[in-house]
C-alpha atoms as a PDB file:
ATOM      1  CA  MET A   1       0.000   0.000   0.000  1.00  0.00           C
ATOM      2  CA  ASP A   2       1.157   3.466  -0.800  1.00  0.00           C
ATOM      3  CA  GLN A   3       1.059   5.486   2.407  1.00  0.00           C
ATOM      4  CA  SER A   4       2.423   8.674   0.900  1.00  0.00           C
ATOM      5  CA  ARG A   5      -1.091   9.842   0.110  1.00  0.00           C
ATOM      6  CA  GLY A   6      -2.522  12.083   2.768  1.00  0.00           C
ATOM      7  CA  SER A   7       0.651  12.230   4.805  1.00  0.00           C
ATOM      8  CA  ASP A   8       1.505  15.742   5.838  1.00  0.00           C
ATOM      9  CA  SER A   9       4.817  16.768   7.327  1.00  0.00           C
ATOM     10  CA  ARG A  10       3.109  19.293   9.604  1.00  0.00           C
ATOM     11  CA  PRO A  11       1.260  18.201  12.728  1.00  0.00           C
ATOM     12  CA  LYS A  12      -2.495  18.578  12.509  1.00  0.00           C
ATOM     13  CA  GLY A  13      -2.677  20.400  15.801  1.00  0.00           C
ATOM     14  CA  PRO A  14      -4.851  19.914  18.849  1.00  0.00           C
ATOM     15  CA  TRP A  15      -8.566  19.150  18.559  1.00  0.00           C
ATOM     16  CA  TRP A  16      -9.640  22.724  19.362  1.00  0.00           C
ATOM     17  CA  TYR A  17      -7.546  23.959  16.443  1.00  0.00           C
ATOM     18  CA  ARG A  18      -9.584  21.950  13.944  1.00  0.00           C
ATOM     19  CA  VAL A  19     -13.019  23.070  15.226  1.00  0.00           C
ATOM     20  CA  PRO A  20     -14.530  25.760  12.941  1.00  0.00           C
ATOM     21  CA  PRO A  21     -15.074  29.158  14.614  1.00  0.00           C
ATOM     22  CA  VAL A  22     -18.749  29.101  13.622  1.00  0.00           C
ATOM     23  CA  ALA A  23     -19.224  25.867  15.568  1.00  0.00           C
ATOM     24  CA  VAL A  24     -17.601  27.436  18.625  1.00  0.00           C
ATOM     25  CA  VAL A  25     -19.986  30.404  18.464  1.00  0.00           C
ATOM     26  CA  VAL A  26     -23.089  28.258  17.933  1.00  0.00           C
ATOM     27  CA  ILE A  27     -22.270  25.732  20.675  1.00  0.00           C
ATOM     28  CA  THR A  28     -21.377  28.434  23.200  1.00  0.00           C
ATOM     29  CA  TYR A  29     -24.467  30.436  22.210  1.00  0.00           C
ATOM     30  CA  ALA A  30     -26.751  27.459  22.751  1.00  0.00           C
ATOM     31  CA  VAL A  31     -25.263  26.369  26.079  1.00  0.00           C
ATOM     32  CA  THR A  32     -25.161  29.906  27.473  1.00  0.00           C
ATOM     33  CA  GLY A  33     -28.690  30.588  26.277  1.00  0.00           C
ATOM     34  CA  VAL A  34     -30.028  27.494  28.039  1.00  0.00           C
ATOM     35  CA  VAL A  35     -28.181  28.318  31.272  1.00  0.00           C
ATOM     36  CA  ILE A  36     -29.358  31.944  31.298  1.00  0.00           C
ATOM     37  CA  PHE A  37     -32.923  30.901  30.446  1.00  0.00           C
ATOM     38  CA  THR A  38     -33.160  28.295  33.203  1.00  0.00           C
ATOM     39  CA  VAL A  39     -31.157  29.995  35.955  1.00  0.00           C
ATOM     40  CA  VAL A  40     -31.203  33.744  35.466  1.00  0.00           C
ATOM     41  CA  SER A  41     -34.091  35.007  33.347  1.00  0.00           C
ATOM     42  CA  GLU A  42     -36.758  33.758  30.976  1.00  0.00           C
ATOM     43  CA  SER A  43     -36.453  36.917  28.892  1.00  0.00           C
ATOM     44  CA  ALA A  44     -35.567  36.177  25.274  1.00  0.00           C
ATOM     45  CA  MET A  45     -33.366  39.269  25.101  1.00  0.00           C
ATOM     46  CA  ALA A  46     -31.345  38.136  28.104  1.00  0.00           C
ATOM     47  CA  TRP A  47     -30.515  34.641  26.864  1.00  0.00           C
ATOM     48  CA  ALA A  48     -30.051  35.711  23.240  1.00  0.00           C
ATOM     49  CA  GLY A  49     -27.793  38.635  24.102  1.00  0.00           C
ATOM     50  CA  GLY A  50     -25.812  36.762  26.723  1.00  0.00           C
ATOM     51  CA  GLY A  51     -25.385  33.733  24.490  1.00  0.00           C
ATOM     52  CA  LEU A  52     -24.237  35.809  21.550  1.00  0.00           C
ATOM     53  CA  ALA A  53     -21.779  37.811  23.653  1.00  0.00           C
ATOM     54  CA  LEU A  54     -20.191  34.713  25.163  1.00  0.00           C
ATOM     55  CA  GLY A  55     -20.195  32.928  21.795  1.00  0.00           C
ATOM     56  CA  LEU A  56     -18.262  35.749  20.166  1.00  0.00           C
ATOM     57  CA  LEU A  57     -15.897  35.901  23.142  1.00  0.00           C
ATOM     58  CA  ALA A  58     -15.246  32.161  22.791  1.00  0.00           C
ATOM     59  CA  ALA A  59     -14.475  32.588  19.075  1.00  0.00           C
ATOM     60  CA  PHE A  60     -12.058  35.407  19.921  1.00  0.00           C
ATOM     61  CA  VAL A  61     -10.293  33.268  22.534  1.00  0.00           C
ATOM     62  CA  GLN A  62     -10.062  30.361  20.081  1.00  0.00           C
ATOM     63  CA  GLY A  63      -8.554  32.684  17.459  1.00  0.00           C
ATOM     64  CA  ALA A  64      -5.982  33.938  19.974  1.00  0.00           C
ATOM     65  CA  ALA A  65      -5.119  30.359  20.919  1.00  0.00           C
ATOM     66  CA  ARG A  66      -4.717  29.441  17.244  1.00  0.00           C
ATOM     67  CA  ALA A  67      -2.398  32.398  16.702  1.00  0.00           C
ATOM     68  CA  ALA A  68      -0.302  31.449  19.722  1.00  0.00           C
ATOM     69  CA  TYR A  69      -0.142  27.819  18.561  1.00  0.00           C
ATOM     70  CA  ASP A  70       0.906  28.889  15.064  1.00  0.00           C
ATOM     71  CA  GLU A  71       3.582  31.160  16.483  1.00  0.00           C
ATOM     72  CA  ARG A  72       5.049  28.376  18.619  1.00  0.00           C
ATOM     73  CA  HIS A  73       4.964  25.763  15.856  1.00  0.00           C
ATOM     74  CA  ARG A  74       6.125  27.831  12.911  1.00  0.00           C
END
């Protein structure tokens, strides 16, 4: 068998590096929205706004972690 296909000399990186930023925002948005809705407030504005804010913050943190990883493994 030829194993040269698909082999890459670079490491693929940790699992969080391969997760798309949109998935990070959506997952964080959903989890935060559920927590705010059940614990804090049943207002749609509260869980939607809080979920979106934390989702975007999570995407920002993931981007910063990707940049740091790229810098270390360049």
